[in-house]
PDB file of N, CA and C in Angstrom:
ATOM      1  N   UNK A   1       6.907  79.195 -16.289  1.00  0.00           N
ATOM      2  CA  UNK A   1       7.123  78.723 -14.832  1.00  0.00           C
ATOM      3  C   UNK A   1       8.520  78.891 -14.267  1.00  0.00           C
ATOM      4  N   UNK A   2       8.520  79.122 -12.964  1.00  0.00           N
ATOM      5  CA  UNK A   2       9.874  79.218 -12.323  1.00  0.00           C
ATOM      6  C   UNK A   2       9.938  78.334 -11.094  1.00  0.00           C
ATOM      7  N   UNK A   3      11.120  77.812 -10.917  1.00  0.00           N
ATOM      8  CA  UNK A   3      11.428  77.029  -9.654  1.00  0.00           C
ATOM      9  C   UNK A   3      11.703  77.968  -8.383  1.00  0.00           C
ATOM     10  N   UNK A   4      11.960  77.407  -7.247  1.00  0.00           N
ATOM     11  CA  UNK A   4      12.263  78.276  -6.154  1.00  0.00           C
ATOM     12  C   UNK A   4      13.563  79.184  -6.306  1.00  0.00           C
ATOM     13  N   UNK A   5      14.389  78.711  -7.268  1.00  0.00           N
ATOM     14  CA  UNK A   5      15.592  79.657  -7.346  1.00  0.00           C
ATOM     15  C   UNK A   5      15.416  80.671  -8.435  1.00  0.00           C
ATOM     16  N   UNK A   6      14.183  80.687  -9.033  1.00  0.00           N
ATOM     17  CA  UNK A   6      13.906  81.721 -10.076  1.00  0.00           C
ATOM     18  C   UNK A   6      14.269  81.219 -11.462  1.00  0.00           C
ATOM     19  N   UNK A   7      14.775  79.855 -11.576  1.00  0.00           N
ATOM     20  CA  UNK A   7      15.107  79.372 -12.854  1.00  0.00           C
ATOM     21  C   UNK A   7      13.886  79.047 -13.574  1.00  0.00           C
ATOM     22  N   UNK A   8      13.846  79.156 -14.988  1.00  0.00           N
ATOM     23  CA  UNK A   8      12.764  78.801 -15.751  1.00  0.00           C
ATOM     24  C   UNK A   8      12.700  77.184 -15.861  1.00  0.00           C
ATOM     25  N   UNK A   9      11.529  76.740 -15.698  1.00  0.00           N
ATOM     26  CA  UNK A   9      11.284  75.246 -15.652  1.00  0.00           C
ATOM     27  C   UNK A   9      10.273  75.164 -16.868  1.00  0.00           C
ATOM     28  N   UNK A  10      10.749  74.408 -17.810  1.00  0.00           N
ATOM     29  CA  UNK A  10       9.966  73.943 -18.991  1.00  0.00           C
ATOM     30  C   UNK A  10       9.086  72.756 -18.757  1.00  0.00           C
ATOM     31  N   UNK A  11       7.891  72.822 -19.333  1.00  0.00           N
ATOM     32  CA  UNK A  11       6.955  71.534 -19.157  1.00  0.00           C
ATOM     33  C   UNK A  11       7.722  70.366 -19.794  1.00  0.00           C
ATOM     34  N   UNK A  12       7.549  69.290 -19.176  1.00  0.00           N
ATOM     35  CA  UNK A  12       8.071  67.908 -19.648  1.00  0.00           C
ATOM     36  C   UNK A  12       7.639  67.650 -21.013  1.00  0.00           C
ATOM     37  N   UNK A  13       6.464  68.099 -21.418  1.00  0.00           N
ATOM     38  CA  UNK A  13       5.907  67.676 -22.901  1.00  0.00           C
ATOM     39  C   UNK A  13       6.893  68.324 -23.873  1.00  0.00           C
ATOM     40  N   UNK A  14       7.783  69.316 -23.622  1.00  0.00           N
ATOM     41  CA  UNK A  14       8.635  69.898 -24.490  1.00  0.00           C
ATOM     42  C   UNK A  14       9.977  69.090 -24.689  1.00  0.00           C
ATOM     43  N   UNK A  15      10.270  68.035 -23.925  1.00  0.00           N
ATOM     44  CA  UNK A  15      11.364  67.442 -24.133  1.00  0.00           C
ATOM     45  C   UNK A  15      12.585  68.193 -23.532  1.00  0.00           C
ATOM     46  N   UNK A  16      13.798  67.833 -23.754  1.00  0.00           N
ATOM     47  CA  UNK A  16      15.069  68.364 -23.305  1.00  0.00           C
ATOM     48  C   UNK A  16      15.223  69.521 -24.316  1.00  0.00           C
ATOM     49  N   UNK A  17      15.312  70.790 -23.835  1.00  0.00           N
ATOM     50  CA  UNK A  17      15.550  72.004 -24.762  1.00  0.00           C
ATOM     51  C   UNK A  17      17.016  72.174 -24.564  1.00  0.00           C
ATOM     52  N   UNK A  18      17.773  72.386 -25.858  1.00  0.00           N
ATOM     53  CA  UNK A  18      19.174  72.689 -25.732  1.00  0.00           C
ATOM     54  C   UNK A  18      19.330  74.150 -25.782  1.00  0.00           C
ATOM     55  N   UNK A  19      20.337  74.691 -25.231  1.00  0.00           N
ATOM     56  CA  UNK A  19      20.588  76.085 -25.180  1.00  0.00           C
ATOM     57  C   UNK A  19      21.025  76.456 -26.478  1.00  0.00           C
ATOM     58  N   UNK A  20      20.867  77.700 -26.981  1.00  0.00           N
ATOM     59  CA  UNK A  20      21.032  78.277 -28.329  1.00  0.00           C
ATOM     60  C   UNK A  20      22.620  78.260 -28.567  1.00  0.00           C
ATOM     61  N   UNK A  21      22.914  78.087 -29.821  1.00  0.00           N
ATOM     62  CA  UNK A  21      24.428  78.181 -30.238  1.00  0.00           C
ATOM     63  C   UNK A  21      24.691  79.701 -30.582  1.00  0.00           C
ATOM     64  N   UNK A  22      25.432  80.306 -29.699  1.00  0.00           N
ATOM     65  CA  UNK A  22      25.678  81.614 -29.867  1.00  0.00           C
ATOM     66  C   UNK A  22      27.015  81.947 -30.448  1.00  0.00           C
ATOM     67  N   UNK A  23      27.592  80.823 -31.061  1.00  0.00           N
ATOM     68  CA  UNK A  23      28.949  81.011 -31.755  1.00  0.00           C
ATOM     69  C   UNK A  23      28.915  81.969 -32.937  1.00  0.00           C
ATOM     70  N   UNK A  24      30.044  82.463 -33.194  1.00  0.00           N
ATOM     71  CA  UNK A  24      30.148  83.311 -34.458  1.00  0.00           C
ATOM     72  C   UNK A  24      31.272  82.894 -35.343  1.00  0.00           C
ATOM     73  N   UNK A  25      30.998  82.864 -36.615  1.00  0.00           N
ATOM     74  CA  UNK A  25      32.116  82.479 -37.560  1.00  0.00           C
ATOM     75  C   UNK A  25      33.150  83.725 -37.533  1.00  0.00           C
ATOM     76  N   UNK A  26      34.308  83.316 -38.064  1.00  0.00           N
ATOM     77  CA  UNK A  26      35.416  84.461 -38.280  1.00  0.00           C
ATOM     78  C   UNK A  26      34.877  85.321 -39.400  1.00  0.00           C
ATOM     79  N   UNK A  27      34.231  84.717 -40.362  1.00  0.00           N
ATOM     80  CA  UNK A  27      33.768  85.645 -41.495  1.00  0.00           C
ATOM     81  C   UNK A  27      32.844  86.639 -41.020  1.00  0.00           C
ATOM     82  N   UNK A  28      31.778  86.243 -40.239  1.00  0.00           N
ATOM     83  CA  UNK A  28      30.760  87.188 -39.747  1.00  0.00           C
ATOM     84  C   UNK A  28      31.375  88.187 -38.705  1.00  0.00           C
ATOM     85  N   UNK A  29      32.332  87.815 -38.011  1.00  0.00           N
ATOM     86  CA  UNK A  29      32.962  88.704 -36.952  1.00  0.00           C
ATOM     87  C   UNK A  29      33.775  89.758 -37.841  1.00  0.00           C
ATOM     88  N   UNK A  30      34.528  89.395 -38.845  1.00  0.00           N
ATOM     89  CA  UNK A  30      35.278  90.256 -39.531  1.00  0.00           C
ATOM     90  C   UNK A  30      34.243  91.298 -40.322  1.00  0.00           C
ATOM     91  N   UNK A  31      33.182  90.772 -40.873  1.00  0.00           N
ATOM     92  CA  UNK A  31      32.212  91.637 -41.554  1.00  0.00           C
ATOM     93  C   UNK A  31      31.643  92.597 -40.501  1.00  0.00           C
ATOM     94  N   UNK A  32      31.368  92.203 -39.291  1.00  0.00           N
ATOM     95  CA  UNK A  32      30.856  93.081 -38.228  1.00  0.00           C
ATOM     96  C   UNK A  32      31.832  94.204 -37.887  1.00  0.00           C
ATOM     97  N   UNK A  33      33.099  93.943 -37.764  1.00  0.00           N
ATOM     98  CA  UNK A  33      34.159  94.797 -37.529  1.00  0.00           C
ATOM     99  C   UNK A  33      34.186  95.786 -38.713  1.00  0.00           C
ATOM    100  N   UNK A  34      34.155  95.221 -39.831  1.00  0.00           N
ATOM    101  CA  UNK A  34      34.261  96.020 -41.176  1.00  0.00           C
ATOM    102  C   UNK A  34      33.047  97.205 -41.074  1.00  0.00           C
ATOM    103  N   UNK A  35      31.906  96.793 -40.692  1.00  0.00           N
ATOM    104  CA  UNK A  35      30.856  97.627 -40.763  1.00  0.00           C
ATOM    105  C   UNK A  35      31.004  98.672 -39.624  1.00  0.00           C
ATOM    106  N   UNK A  36      31.550  98.220 -38.438  1.00  0.00           N
ATOM    107  CA  UNK A  36      31.787  99.249 -37.419  1.00  0.00           C
ATOM    108  C   UNK A  36      32.721 100.333 -37.776  1.00  0.00           C
ATOM    109  N   UNK A  37      33.863  99.891 -38.601  1.00  0.00           N
ATOM    110  CA  UNK A  37      34.939 100.817 -39.052  1.00  0.00           C
ATOM    111  C   UNK A  37      34.432 101.795 -40.188  1.00  0.00           C
ATOM    112  N   UNK A  38      33.356 101.352 -40.823  1.00  0.00           N
ATOM    113  CA  UNK A  38      32.892 102.290 -41.922  1.00  0.00           C
ATOM    114  C   UNK A  38      32.017 103.357 -41.213  1.00  0.00           C
ATOM    115  N   UNK A  39      31.622 103.281 -40.075  1.00  0.00           N
ATOM    116  CA  UNK A  39      30.653 104.213 -39.375  1.00  0.00           C
ATOM    117  C   UNK A  39      31.460 105.592 -39.109  1.00  0.00           C
TER     118      UNK A  39
END
């Protein structure tokens, strides 16, 4: 469902939905950079 502004509206039965945690650890970031460098 969407409201007038085009924002997604969740049914009240779902309760309050928290946004996902998109944070990244230093370890996983360095691993990502390492994989890019190997290409």
